[in-house]
Amino acid sequence: APSVQLWSDYLNVHLHPKSLYVIRQYLHDGDCGCLEAFGQGESLL
């Protein structure tokens, strides 16, 4: 079984690599915890 790291790993359809942008600091083992507030998301960009 392939290793599962992202939600997209559960898909049966393979997505183009450029169609996914992973926000590293908000991964399960990231340094920022969860993305829970509007301002946090806005500040990413």
PDB file of all heavy atoms in Angstrom:
ATOM      1  N   ALA A   1       0.851  -1.183   0.000  1.00  0.00           N
ATOM      2  CA  ALA A   1       0.000   0.000   0.000  1.00  0.00           C
ATOM      3  C   ALA A   1       0.892   1.240   0.000  1.00  0.00           C
ATOM      4  O   ALA A   1       1.873   1.298   0.741  1.00  0.00           O
ATOM      5  CB  ALA A   1      -0.901  -0.002   1.227  1.00  0.00           C
ATOM      6  N   PRO A   2       0.561   2.217  -0.839  1.00  0.00           N
ATOM      7  CA  PRO A   2       1.375   3.425  -0.862  1.00  0.00           C
ATOM      8  C   PRO A   2       1.223   4.187   0.450  1.00  0.00           C
ATOM      9  O   PRO A   2       0.190   4.105   1.111  1.00  0.00           O
ATOM     10  CB  PRO A   2       0.805   4.220  -2.042  1.00  0.00           C
ATOM     11  CG  PRO A   2      -0.575   3.700  -2.222  1.00  0.00           C
ATOM     12  CD  PRO A   2      -0.553   2.281  -1.753  1.00  0.00           C
ATOM     13  N   SER A   3       2.247   4.925   0.816  1.00  0.00           N
ATOM     14  CA  SER A   3       2.160   5.700   2.051  1.00  0.00           C
ATOM     15  C   SER A   3       1.221   6.880   1.848  1.00  0.00           C
ATOM     16  O   SER A   3       1.179   7.486   0.785  1.00  0.00           O
ATOM     17  CB  SER A   3       3.547   6.191   2.468  1.00  0.00           C
ATOM     18  OG  SER A   3       4.041   7.104   1.510  1.00  0.00           O
ATOM     19  N   VAL A   4       0.446   7.167   2.853  1.00  0.00           N
ATOM     20  CA  VAL A   4      -0.528   8.248   2.790  1.00  0.00           C
ATOM     21  C   VAL A   4       0.021   9.423   3.575  1.00  0.00           C
ATOM     22  O   VAL A   4       0.303   9.309   4.765  1.00  0.00           O
ATOM     23  CB  VAL A   4      -1.889   7.789   3.358  1.00  0.00           C
ATOM     24  CG1 VAL A   4      -2.861   8.946   3.404  1.00  0.00           C
ATOM     25  CG2 VAL A   4      -2.438   6.641   2.550  1.00  0.00           C
ATOM     26  N   GLN A   5       0.188  10.563   2.885  1.00  0.00           N
ATOM     27  CA  GLN A   5       0.697  11.762   3.536  1.00  0.00           C
ATOM     28  C   GLN A   5      -0.285  12.928   3.443  1.00  0.00           C
ATOM     29  O   GLN A   5      -0.318  13.771   4.325  1.00  0.00           O
ATOM     30  CB  GLN A   5       2.033  12.170   2.915  1.00  0.00           C
ATOM     31  CG  GLN A   5       3.122  11.144   3.131  1.00  0.00           C
ATOM     32  CD  GLN A   5       4.411  11.534   2.431  1.00  0.00           C
ATOM     33  OE1 GLN A   5       4.487  12.521   1.730  1.00  0.00           O
ATOM     34  NE2 GLN A   5       5.436  10.733   2.635  1.00  0.00           N
ATOM     35  N   LEU A   6      -1.070  12.990   2.367  1.00  0.00           N
ATOM     36  CA  LEU A   6      -1.988  14.092   2.139  1.00  0.00           C
ATOM     37  C   LEU A   6      -3.380  13.556   1.860  1.00  0.00           C
ATOM     38  O   LEU A   6      -3.546  12.398   1.502  1.00  0.00           O
ATOM     39  CB  LEU A   6      -1.531  14.928   0.934  1.00  0.00           C
ATOM     40  CG  LEU A   6      -0.119  15.493   0.998  1.00  0.00           C
ATOM     41  CD1 LEU A   6       0.266  16.085  -0.340  1.00  0.00           C
ATOM     42  CD2 LEU A   6      -0.016  16.527   2.090  1.00  0.00           C
ATOM     43  N   TRP A   7      -4.402  14.414   1.954  1.00  0.00           N
ATOM     44  CA  TRP A   7      -5.772  14.001   1.660  1.00  0.00           C
ATOM     45  C   TRP A   7      -5.890  13.510   0.234  1.00  0.00           C
ATOM     46  O   TRP A   7      -6.667  12.611  -0.054  1.00  0.00           O
ATOM     47  CB  TRP A   7      -6.754  15.139   1.925  1.00  0.00           C
ATOM     48  CG  TRP A   7      -6.554  16.321   1.021  1.00  0.00           C
ATOM     49  CD1 TRP A   7      -5.787  17.422   1.276  1.00  0.00           C
ATOM     50  CD2 TRP A   7      -7.098  16.520  -0.279  1.00  0.00           C
ATOM     51  NE1 TRP A   7      -5.809  18.278   0.221  1.00  0.00           N
ATOM     52  CE2 TRP A   7      -6.610  17.747  -0.762  1.00  0.00           C
ATOM     53  CE3 TRP A   7      -7.932  15.776  -1.100  1.00  0.00           C
ATOM     54  CZ2 TRP A   7      -6.951  18.242  -2.007  1.00  0.00           C
ATOM     55  CZ3 TRP A   7      -8.261  16.277  -2.352  1.00  0.00           C
ATOM     56  CH2 TRP A   7      -7.784  17.505  -2.786  1.00  0.00           C
ATOM     57  N   SER A   8      -5.129  14.098  -0.668  1.00  0.00           N
ATOM     58  CA  SER A   8      -5.228  13.730  -2.080  1.00  0.00           C
ATOM     59  C   SER A   8      -4.692  12.319  -2.343  1.00  0.00           C
ATOM     60  O   SER A   8      -4.976  11.740  -3.395  1.00  0.00           O
ATOM     61  CB  SER A   8      -4.495  14.752  -2.946  1.00  0.00           C
ATOM     62  OG  SER A   8      -3.145  14.832  -2.561  1.00  0.00           O
ATOM     63  N   ASP A   9      -3.944  11.759  -1.402  1.00  0.00           N
ATOM     64  CA  ASP A   9      -3.452  10.389  -1.558  1.00  0.00           C
ATOM     65  C   ASP A   9      -4.587   9.367  -1.502  1.00  0.00           C
ATOM     66  O   ASP A   9      -4.425   8.231  -1.934  1.00  0.00           O
ATOM     67  CB  ASP A   9      -2.414  10.058  -0.483  1.00  0.00           C
ATOM     68  CG  ASP A   9      -1.149  10.886  -0.620  1.00  0.00           C
ATOM     69  OD1 ASP A   9      -0.882  11.374  -1.748  1.00  0.00           O
ATOM     70  OD2 ASP A   9      -0.437  11.060   0.378  1.00  0.00           O
ATOM     71  N   TYR A  10      -5.745   9.762  -0.955  1.00  0.00           N
ATOM     72  CA  TYR A  10      -6.892   8.867  -0.879  1.00  0.00           C
ATOM     73  C   TYR A  10      -7.703   8.834  -2.175  1.00  0.00           C
ATOM     74  O   TYR A  10      -8.575   8.004  -2.333  1.00  0.00           O
ATOM     75  CB  TYR A  10      -7.832   9.290   0.260  1.00  0.00           C
ATOM     76  CG  TYR A  10      -7.270   8.994   1.621  1.00  0.00           C
ATOM     77  CD1 TYR A  10      -6.717   9.995   2.398  1.00  0.00           C
ATOM     78  CD2 TYR A  10      -7.297   7.705   2.132  1.00  0.00           C
ATOM     79  CE1 TYR A  10      -6.205   9.730   3.649  1.00  0.00           C
ATOM     80  CE2 TYR A  10      -6.788   7.427   3.387  1.00  0.00           C
ATOM     81  CZ  TYR A  10      -6.246   8.441   4.143  1.00  0.00           C
ATOM     82  OH  TYR A  10      -5.743   8.176   5.376  1.00  0.00           O
ATOM     83  N   LEU A  11      -7.443   9.765  -3.080  1.00  0.00           N
ATOM     84  CA  LEU A  11      -8.210   9.831  -4.318  1.00  0.00           C
ATOM     85  C   LEU A  11      -7.850   8.693  -5.259  1.00  0.00           C
ATOM     86  O   LEU A  11      -6.703   8.261  -5.325  1.00  0.00           O
ATOM     87  CB  LEU A  11      -7.946  11.159  -5.035  1.00  0.00           C
ATOM     88  CG  LEU A  11      -8.400  12.421  -4.313  1.00  0.00           C
ATOM     89  CD1 LEU A  11      -7.968  13.645  -5.103  1.00  0.00           C
ATOM     90  CD2 LEU A  11      -9.900  12.419  -4.144  1.00  0.00           C
ATOM     91  N   ASN A  12      -8.825   8.232  -6.001  1.00  0.00           N
ATOM     92  CA  ASN A  12      -8.566   7.232  -7.029  1.00  0.00           C
ATOM     93  C   ASN A  12      -8.071   7.886  -8.310  1.00  0.00           C
ATOM     94  O   ASN A  12      -7.505   7.233  -9.162  1.00  0.00           O
ATOM     95  CB  ASN A  12      -9.834   6.430  -7.329  1.00  0.00           C
ATOM     96  CG  ASN A  12     -10.194   5.521  -6.183  1.00  0.00           C
ATOM     97  OD1 ASN A  12      -9.322   5.074  -5.444  1.00  0.00           O
ATOM     98  ND2 ASN A  12     -11.471   5.243  -6.023  1.00  0.00           N
ATOM     99  N   VAL A  13      -8.317   9.178  -8.453  1.00  0.00           N
ATOM    100  CA  VAL A  13      -7.891   9.926  -9.624  1.00  0.00           C
ATOM    101  C   VAL A  13      -6.576  10.628  -9.272  1.00  0.00           C
ATOM    102  O   VAL A  13      -6.458  11.237  -8.220  1.00  0.00           O
ATOM    103  CB  VAL A  13      -8.956  10.988 -10.000  1.00  0.00           C
ATOM    104  CG1 VAL A  13      -8.489  11.832 -11.160  1.00  0.00           C
ATOM    105  CG2 VAL A  13     -10.277  10.320 -10.291  1.00  0.00           C
ATOM    106  N   HIS A  14      -5.623  10.517 -10.169  1.00  0.00           N
ATOM    107  CA  HIS A  14      -4.352  11.198  -9.932  1.00  0.00           C
ATOM    108  C   HIS A  14      -4.455  12.633 -10.423  1.00  0.00           C
ATOM    109  O   HIS A  14      -4.829  12.881 -11.561  1.00  0.00           O
ATOM    110  CB  HIS A  14      -3.212  10.466 -10.644  1.00  0.00           C
ATOM    111  CG  HIS A  14      -2.963   9.104 -10.076  1.00  0.00           C
ATOM    112  ND1 HIS A  14      -2.353   8.908  -8.859  1.00  0.00           N
ATOM    113  CD2 HIS A  14      -3.283   7.877 -10.535  1.00  0.00           C
ATOM    114  CE1 HIS A  14      -2.290   7.618  -8.603  1.00  0.00           C
ATOM    115  NE2 HIS A  14      -2.858   6.959  -9.597  1.00  0.00           N
ATOM    116  N   LEU A  15      -4.128  13.572  -9.560  1.00  0.00           N
ATOM    117  CA  LEU A  15      -4.185  14.985  -9.902  1.00  0.00           C
ATOM    118  C   LEU A  15      -2.848  15.437 -10.468  1.00  0.00           C
ATOM    119  O   LEU A  15      -1.799  14.901 -10.120  1.00  0.00           O
ATOM    120  CB  LEU A  15      -4.522  15.806  -8.650  1.00  0.00           C
ATOM    121  CG  LEU A  15      -5.839  15.455  -7.969  1.00  0.00           C
ATOM    122  CD1 LEU A  15      -5.983  16.227  -6.679  1.00  0.00           C
ATOM    123  CD2 LEU A  15      -7.013  15.730  -8.888  1.00  0.00           C
ATOM    124  N   HIS A  16      -2.914  16.441 -11.316  1.00  0.00           N
ATOM    125  CA  HIS A  16      -1.693  17.005 -11.875  1.00  0.00           C
ATOM    126  C   HIS A  16      -0.881  17.607 -10.715  1.00  0.00           C
ATOM    127  O   HIS A  16      -1.439  18.273  -9.840  1.00  0.00           O
ATOM    128  CB  HIS A  16      -2.040  18.093 -12.901  1.00  0.00           C
ATOM    129  CG  HIS A  16      -0.872  18.535 -13.703  1.00  0.00           C
ATOM    130  ND1 HIS A  16       0.067  19.406 -13.223  1.00  0.00           N
ATOM    131  CD2 HIS A  16      -0.492  18.208 -14.957  1.00  0.00           C
ATOM    132  CE1 HIS A  16       0.984  19.614 -14.145  1.00  0.00           C
ATOM    133  NE2 HIS A  16       0.665  18.896 -15.217  1.00  0.00           N
ATOM    134  N   PRO A  17       0.431  17.395 -10.694  1.00  0.00           N
ATOM    135  CA  PRO A  17       1.243  17.910  -9.578  1.00  0.00           C
ATOM    136  C   PRO A  17       1.133  19.423  -9.381  1.00  0.00           C
ATOM    137  O   PRO A  17       1.244  19.910  -8.264  1.00  0.00           O
ATOM    138  CB  PRO A  17       2.672  17.525  -9.965  1.00  0.00           C
ATOM    139  CG  PRO A  17       2.536  16.426 -10.952  1.00  0.00           C
ATOM    140  CD  PRO A  17       1.222  16.616 -11.643  1.00  0.00           C
ATOM    141  N   LYS A  18       0.901  20.163 -10.448  1.00  0.00           N
ATOM    142  CA  LYS A  18       0.780  21.624 -10.314  1.00  0.00           C
ATOM    143  C   LYS A  18      -0.594  22.056  -9.818  1.00  0.00           C
ATOM    144  O   LYS A  18      -0.807  23.227  -9.541  1.00  0.00           O
ATOM    145  CB  LYS A  18       1.097  22.309 -11.643  1.00  0.00           C
ATOM    146  CG  LYS A  18       2.560  22.291 -11.980  1.00  0.00           C
ATOM    147  CD  LYS A  18       2.870  23.356 -12.994  1.00  0.00           C
ATOM    148  CE  LYS A  18       4.333  23.351 -13.310  1.00  0.00           C
ATOM    149  NZ  LYS A  18       5.042  24.425 -12.667  1.00  0.00           N
ATOM    150  N   SER A  19      -1.551  21.123  -9.723  1.00  0.00           N
ATOM    151  CA  SER A  19      -2.881  21.496  -9.252  1.00  0.00           C
ATOM    152  C   SER A  19      -2.986  21.461  -7.728  1.00  0.00           C
ATOM    153  O   SER A  19      -3.977  21.897  -7.172  1.00  0.00           O
ATOM    154  CB  SER A  19      -3.946  20.598  -9.869  1.00  0.00           C
ATOM    155  OG  SER A  19      -3.837  19.288  -9.377  1.00  0.00           O
ATOM    156  N   LEU A  20      -1.979  20.938  -7.064  1.00  0.00           N
ATOM    157  CA  LEU A  20      -1.959  20.889  -5.598  1.00  0.00           C
ATOM    158  C   LEU A  20      -0.903  21.836  -5.059  1.00  0.00           C
ATOM    159  O   LEU A  20       0.228  21.858  -5.541  1.00  0.00           O
ATOM    160  CB  LEU A  20      -1.633  19.481  -5.110  1.00  0.00           C
ATOM    161  CG  LEU A  20      -2.649  18.398  -5.425  1.00  0.00           C
ATOM    162  CD1 LEU A  20      -2.114  17.051  -4.970  1.00  0.00           C
ATOM    163  CD2 LEU A  20      -3.972  18.698  -4.779  1.00  0.00           C
ATOM    164  N   TYR A  21      -1.281  22.588  -4.056  1.00  0.00           N
ATOM    165  CA  TYR A  21      -0.322  23.439  -3.365  1.00  0.00           C
ATOM    166  C   TYR A  21      -0.451  23.128  -1.880  1.00  0.00           C
ATOM    167  O   TYR A  21      -1.483  23.404  -1.260  1.00  0.00           O
ATOM    168  CB  TYR A  21      -0.587  24.920  -3.637  1.00  0.00           C
ATOM    169  CG  TYR A  21       0.405  25.830  -2.954  1.00  0.00           C
ATOM    170  CD1 TYR A  21       1.734  25.859  -3.360  1.00  0.00           C
ATOM    171  CD2 TYR A  21       0.021  26.616  -1.885  1.00  0.00           C
ATOM    172  CE1 TYR A  21       2.647  26.674  -2.728  1.00  0.00           C
ATOM    173  CE2 TYR A  21       0.931  27.441  -1.252  1.00  0.00           C
ATOM    174  CZ  TYR A  21       2.240  27.460  -1.683  1.00  0.00           C
ATOM    175  OH  TYR A  21       3.163  28.268  -1.044  1.00  0.00           O
ATOM    176  N   VAL A  22       0.560  22.516  -1.331  1.00  0.00           N
ATOM    177  CA  VAL A  22       0.530  22.082   0.058  1.00  0.00           C
ATOM    178  C   VAL A  22       1.063  23.210   0.944  1.00  0.00           C
ATOM    179  O   VAL A  22       2.146  23.733   0.709  1.00  0.00           O
ATOM    180  CB  VAL A  22       1.379  20.798   0.253  1.00  0.00           C
ATOM    181  CG1 VAL A  22       1.377  20.376   1.711  1.00  0.00           C
ATOM    182  CG2 VAL A  22       0.847  19.688  -0.634  1.00  0.00           C
ATOM    183  N   ILE A  23       0.285  23.561   1.952  1.00  0.00           N
ATOM    184  CA  ILE A  23       0.695  24.577   2.918  1.00  0.00           C
ATOM    185  C   ILE A  23       1.436  23.849   4.029  1.00  0.00           C
ATOM    186  O   ILE A  23       0.821  23.233   4.902  1.00  0.00           O
ATOM    187  CB  ILE A  23      -0.526  25.345   3.455  1.00  0.00           C
ATOM    188  CG1 ILE A  23      -1.301  25.964   2.291  1.00  0.00           C
ATOM    189  CG2 ILE A  23      -0.097  26.408   4.441  1.00  0.00           C
ATOM    190  CD1 ILE A  23      -2.656  26.502   2.682  1.00  0.00           C
ATOM    191  N   ARG A  24       2.732  23.874   3.975  1.00  0.00           N
ATOM    192  CA  ARG A  24       3.577  23.040   4.847  1.00  0.00           C
ATOM    193  C   ARG A  24       3.363  23.295   6.340  1.00  0.00           C
ATOM    194  O   ARG A  24       3.325  22.371   7.129  1.00  0.00           O
ATOM    195  CB  ARG A  24       5.062  23.245   4.506  1.00  0.00           C
ATOM    196  CG  ARG A  24       5.416  22.807   3.117  1.00  0.00           C
ATOM    197  CD  ARG A  24       5.638  21.324   3.079  1.00  0.00           C
ATOM    198  NE  ARG A  24       5.831  20.894   1.700  1.00  0.00           N
ATOM    199  CZ  ARG A  24       5.412  19.758   1.218  1.00  0.00           C
ATOM    200  NH1 ARG A  24       4.783  18.915   1.987  1.00  0.00           N
ATOM    201  NH2 ARG A  24       5.603  19.444  -0.030  1.00  0.00           N
ATOM    202  N   GLN A  25       3.229  24.559   6.737  1.00  0.00           N
ATOM    203  CA  GLN A  25       3.130  24.829   8.174  1.00  0.00           C
ATOM    204  C   GLN A  25       1.813  24.360   8.782  1.00  0.00           C
ATOM    205  O   GLN A  25       1.689  24.281   9.991  1.00  0.00           O
ATOM    206  CB  GLN A  25       3.367  26.305   8.487  1.00  0.00           C
ATOM    207  CG  GLN A  25       2.406  27.265   7.848  1.00  0.00           C
ATOM    208  CD  GLN A  25       2.929  27.839   6.550  1.00  0.00           C
ATOM    209  OE1 GLN A  25       3.565  27.143   5.779  1.00  0.00           O
ATOM    210  NE2 GLN A  25       2.657  29.108   6.317  1.00  0.00           N
ATOM    211  N   TYR A  26       0.831  24.005   7.949  1.00  0.00           N
ATOM    212  CA  TYR A  26      -0.438  23.535   8.469  1.00  0.00           C
ATOM    213  C   TYR A  26      -0.673  22.052   8.209  1.00  0.00           C
ATOM    214  O   TYR A  26      -1.798  21.587   8.281  1.00  0.00           O
ATOM    215  CB  TYR A  26      -1.591  24.364   7.911  1.00  0.00           C
ATOM    216  CG  TYR A  26      -1.590  25.751   8.494  1.00  0.00           C
ATOM    217  CD1 TYR A  26      -1.145  26.837   7.750  1.00  0.00           C
ATOM    218  CD2 TYR A  26      -1.993  25.967   9.797  1.00  0.00           C
ATOM    219  CE1 TYR A  26      -1.123  28.106   8.288  1.00  0.00           C
ATOM    220  CE2 TYR A  26      -1.967  27.231  10.349  1.00  0.00           C
ATOM    221  CZ  TYR A  26      -1.533  28.298   9.591  1.00  0.00           C
ATOM    222  OH  TYR A  26      -1.509  29.545  10.136  1.00  0.00           O
ATOM    223  N   LEU A  27       0.375  21.299   7.922  1.00  0.00           N
ATOM    224  CA  LEU A  27       0.258  19.846   7.861  1.00  0.00           C
ATOM    225  C   LEU A  27       0.027  19.333   9.275  1.00  0.00           C
ATOM    226  O   LEU A  27       0.233  20.051  10.251  1.00  0.00           O
ATOM    227  CB  LEU A  27       1.529  19.221   7.278  1.00  0.00           C
ATOM    228  CG  LEU A  27       1.747  19.394   5.779  1.00  0.00           C
ATOM    229  CD1 LEU A  27       3.103  18.854   5.381  1.00  0.00           C
ATOM    230  CD2 LEU A  27       0.659  18.684   5.000  1.00  0.00           C
ATOM    231  N   HIS A  28      -0.354  18.080   9.397  1.00  0.00           N
ATOM    232  CA  HIS A  28      -0.628  17.520  10.723  1.00  0.00           C
ATOM    233  C   HIS A  28       0.578  17.613  11.648  1.00  0.00           C
ATOM    234  O   HIS A  28       0.434  17.766  12.851  1.00  0.00           O
ATOM    235  CB  HIS A  28      -1.090  16.071  10.611  1.00  0.00           C
ATOM    236  CG  HIS A  28      -2.423  15.953   9.947  1.00  0.00           C
ATOM    237  ND1 HIS A  28      -3.583  16.363  10.543  1.00  0.00           N
ATOM    238  CD2 HIS A  28      -2.770  15.504   8.724  1.00  0.00           C
ATOM    239  CE1 HIS A  28      -4.596  16.168   9.726  1.00  0.00           C
ATOM    240  NE2 HIS A  28      -4.138  15.642   8.611  1.00  0.00           N
ATOM    241  N   ASP A  29       1.775  17.537  11.093  1.00  0.00           N
ATOM    242  CA  ASP A  29       2.971  17.654  11.920  1.00  0.00           C
ATOM    243  C   ASP A  29       3.639  19.015  11.736  1.00  0.00           C
ATOM    244  O   ASP A  29       4.790  19.194  12.055  1.00  0.00           O
ATOM    245  CB  ASP A  29       3.952  16.521  11.591  1.00  0.00           C
ATOM    246  CG  ASP A  29       4.353  16.506  10.124  1.00  0.00           C
ATOM    247  OD1 ASP A  29       3.761  17.256   9.322  1.00  0.00           O
ATOM    248  OD2 ASP A  29       5.261  15.739   9.779  1.00  0.00           O
ATOM    249  N   GLY A  30       2.889  20.002  11.228  1.00  0.00           N
ATOM    250  CA  GLY A  30       3.441  21.332  10.979  1.00  0.00           C
ATOM    251  C   GLY A  30       3.646  22.104  12.269  1.00  0.00           C
ATOM    252  O   GLY A  30       3.251  21.691  13.355  1.00  0.00           O
ATOM    253  N   ASP A  31       4.250  23.284  12.139  1.00  0.00           N
ATOM    254  CA  ASP A  31       4.601  24.070  13.319  1.00  0.00           C
ATOM    255  C   ASP A  31       3.521  25.067  13.739  1.00  0.00           C
ATOM    256  O   ASP A  31       3.650  25.716  14.755  1.00  0.00           O
ATOM    257  CB  ASP A  31       5.934  24.796  13.098  1.00  0.00           C
ATOM    258  CG  ASP A  31       5.917  25.710  11.876  1.00  0.00           C
ATOM    259  OD1 ASP A  31       4.929  25.687  11.131  1.00  0.00           O
ATOM    260  OD2 ASP A  31       6.905  26.438  11.685  1.00  0.00           O
ATOM    261  N   CYS A  32       2.427  25.202  12.987  1.00  0.00           N
ATOM    262  CA  CYS A  32       1.415  26.214  13.294  1.00  0.00           C
ATOM    263  C   CYS A  32       0.103  25.671  13.840  1.00  0.00           C
ATOM    264  O   CYS A  32      -0.793  26.434  14.144  1.00  0.00           O
ATOM    265  CB  CYS A  32       1.117  27.047  12.048  1.00  0.00           C
ATOM    266  SG  CYS A  32       2.488  28.074  11.536  1.00  0.00           S
ATOM    267  N   GLY A  33      -0.045  24.382  13.945  1.00  0.00           N
ATOM    268  CA  GLY A  33      -1.317  23.849  14.415  1.00  0.00           C
ATOM    269  C   GLY A  33      -2.339  23.827  13.302  1.00  0.00           C
ATOM    270  O   GLY A  33      -2.023  23.569  12.160  1.00  0.00           O
ATOM    271  N   CYS A  34      -3.589  24.130  13.635  1.00  0.00           N
ATOM    272  CA  CYS A  34      -4.635  24.055  12.612  1.00  0.00           C
ATOM    273  C   CYS A  34      -4.977  25.450  12.086  1.00  0.00           C
ATOM    274  O   CYS A  34      -4.791  26.451  12.766  1.00  0.00           O
ATOM    275  CB  CYS A  34      -5.870  23.351  13.160  1.00  0.00           C
ATOM    276  SG  CYS A  34      -6.675  24.188  14.505  1.00  0.00           S
ATOM    277  N   LEU A  35      -5.479  25.476  10.897  1.00  0.00           N
ATOM    278  CA  LEU A  35      -5.867  26.713  10.223  1.00  0.00           C
ATOM    279  C   LEU A  35      -7.321  26.983  10.591  1.00  0.00           C
ATOM    280  O   LEU A  35      -8.236  26.529   9.922  1.00  0.00           O
ATOM    281  CB  LEU A  35      -5.689  26.529   8.713  1.00  0.00           C
ATOM    282  CG  LEU A  35      -5.871  27.741   7.816  1.00  0.00           C
ATOM    283  CD1 LEU A  35      -4.884  28.842   8.174  1.00  0.00           C
ATOM    284  CD2 LEU A  35      -5.682  27.336   6.366  1.00  0.00           C
ATOM    285  N   GLU A  36      -7.545  27.722  11.684  1.00  0.00           N
ATOM    286  CA  GLU A  36      -8.896  27.847  12.202  1.00  0.00           C
ATOM    287  C   GLU A  36      -9.503  29.236  12.097  1.00  0.00           C
ATOM    288  O   GLU A  36     -10.699  29.392  12.322  1.00  0.00           O
ATOM    289  CB  GLU A  36      -8.953  27.381  13.660  1.00  0.00           C
ATOM    290  CG  GLU A  36      -8.111  28.199  14.597  1.00  0.00           C
ATOM    291  CD  GLU A  36      -8.126  27.648  16.017  1.00  0.00           C
ATOM    292  OE1 GLU A  36      -8.889  26.696  16.273  1.00  0.00           O
ATOM    293  OE2 GLU A  36      -7.388  28.171  16.844  1.00  0.00           O
ATOM    294  N   ALA A  37      -8.735  30.265  11.730  1.00  0.00           N
ATOM    295  CA  ALA A  37      -9.274  31.617  11.687  1.00  0.00           C
ATOM    296  C   ALA A  37      -9.080  32.244  10.308  1.00  0.00           C
ATOM    297  O   ALA A  37      -8.090  31.984   9.622  1.00  0.00           O
ATOM    298  CB  ALA A  37      -8.609  32.489  12.748  1.00  0.00           C
ATOM    299  N   PHE A  38     -10.052  33.057   9.918  1.00  0.00           N
ATOM    300  CA  PHE A  38     -10.044  33.728   8.624  1.00  0.00           C
ATOM    301  C   PHE A  38      -8.733  34.482   8.411  1.00  0.00           C
ATOM    302  O   PHE A  38      -8.129  34.404   7.338  1.00  0.00           O
ATOM    303  CB  PHE A  38     -11.232  34.705   8.559  1.00  0.00           C
ATOM    304  CG  PHE A  38     -11.370  35.421   7.255  1.00  0.00           C
ATOM    305  CD1 PHE A  38     -12.117  34.874   6.234  1.00  0.00           C
ATOM    306  CD2 PHE A  38     -10.765  36.652   7.050  1.00  0.00           C
ATOM    307  CE1 PHE A  38     -12.259  35.533   5.026  1.00  0.00           C
ATOM    308  CE2 PHE A  38     -10.894  37.316   5.852  1.00  0.00           C
ATOM    309  CZ  PHE A  38     -11.644  36.758   4.832  1.00  0.00           C
ATOM    310  N   GLY A  39      -8.292  35.193   9.417  1.00  0.00           N
ATOM    311  CA  GLY A  39      -7.065  35.995   9.310  1.00  0.00           C
ATOM    312  C   GLY A  39      -5.823  35.157   9.072  1.00  0.00           C
ATOM    313  O   GLY A  39      -4.894  35.595   8.383  1.00  0.00           O
ATOM    314  N   GLN A  40      -5.781  33.953   9.641  1.00  0.00           N
ATOM    315  CA  GLN A  40      -4.645  33.061   9.398  1.00  0.00           C
ATOM    316  C   GLN A  40      -4.564  32.701   7.918  1.00  0.00           C
ATOM    317  O   GLN A  40      -3.498  32.718   7.327  1.00  0.00           O
ATOM    318  CB  GLN A  40      -4.780  31.768  10.203  1.00  0.00           C
ATOM    319  CG  GLN A  40      -4.532  31.886  11.668  1.00  0.00           C
ATOM    320  CD  GLN A  40      -4.798  30.554  12.353  1.00  0.00           C
ATOM    321  OE1 GLN A  40      -5.870  29.974  12.207  1.00  0.00           O
ATOM    322  NE2 GLN A  40      -3.823  30.080  13.105  1.00  0.00           N
ATOM    323  N   GLY A  41      -5.694  32.355   7.340  1.00  0.00           N
ATOM    324  CA  GLY A  41      -5.725  31.999   5.929  1.00  0.00           C
ATOM    325  C   GLY A  41      -5.387  33.171   5.040  1.00  0.00           C
ATOM    326  O   GLY A  41      -4.649  33.042   4.057  1.00  0.00           O
ATOM    327  N   GLU A  42      -5.917  34.331   5.390  1.00  0.00           N
ATOM    328  CA  GLU A  42      -5.653  35.540   4.612  1.00  0.00           C
ATOM    329  C   GLU A  42      -4.171  35.912   4.664  1.00  0.00           C
ATOM    330  O   GLU A  42      -3.585  36.308   3.659  1.00  0.00           O
ATOM    331  CB  GLU A  42      -6.512  36.673   5.177  1.00  0.00           C
ATOM    332  CG  GLU A  42      -6.805  37.779   4.225  1.00  0.00           C
ATOM    333  CD  GLU A  42      -7.765  38.786   4.842  1.00  0.00           C
ATOM    334  OE1 GLU A  42      -7.741  39.014   6.070  1.00  0.00           O
ATOM    335  OE2 GLU A  42      -8.537  39.353   4.063  1.00  0.00           O
ATOM    336  N   SER A  43      -3.560  35.737   5.826  1.00  0.00           N
ATOM    337  CA  SER A  43      -2.153  36.116   5.973  1.00  0.00           C
ATOM    338  C   SER A  43      -1.202  35.177   5.225  1.00  0.00           C
ATOM    339  O   SER A  43      -0.075  35.558   4.924  1.00  0.00           O
ATOM    340  CB  SER A  43      -1.760  36.182   7.452  1.00  0.00           C
ATOM    341  OG  SER A  43      -1.775  34.894   8.020  1.00  0.00           O
ATOM    342  N   LEU A  44      -1.655  33.960   4.920  1.00  0.00           N
ATOM    343  CA  LEU A  44      -0.813  33.046   4.141  1.00  0.00           C
ATOM    344  C   LEU A  44      -0.462  33.645   2.784  1.00  0.00           C
ATOM    345  O   LEU A  44       0.639  33.460   2.281  1.00  0.00           O
ATOM    346  CB  LEU A  44      -1.510  31.710   3.921  1.00  0.00           C
ATOM    347  CG  LEU A  44      -1.525  30.755   5.094  1.00  0.00           C
ATOM    348  CD1 LEU A  44      -2.414  29.565   4.770  1.00  0.00           C
ATOM    349  CD2 LEU A  44      -0.131  30.289   5.421  1.00  0.00           C
ATOM    350  N   LEU A  45      -1.422  34.358   2.196  1.00  0.00           N
ATOM    351  CA  LEU A  45      -1.185  34.932   0.875  1.00  0.00           C
ATOM    352  C   LEU A  45      -0.642  36.354   0.951  1.00  0.00           C
ATOM    353  O   LEU A  45      -0.687  37.098  -0.019  1.00  0.00           O
ATOM    354  CB  LEU A  45      -2.458  34.868   0.035  1.00  0.00           C
ATOM    355  CG  LEU A  45      -2.881  33.438  -0.311  1.00  0.00           C
ATOM    356  CD1 LEU A  45      -4.169  33.418  -1.095  1.00  0.00           C
ATOM    357  CD2 LEU A  45      -1.796  32.715  -1.074  1.00  0.00           C
TER     358      LEU A  45
END
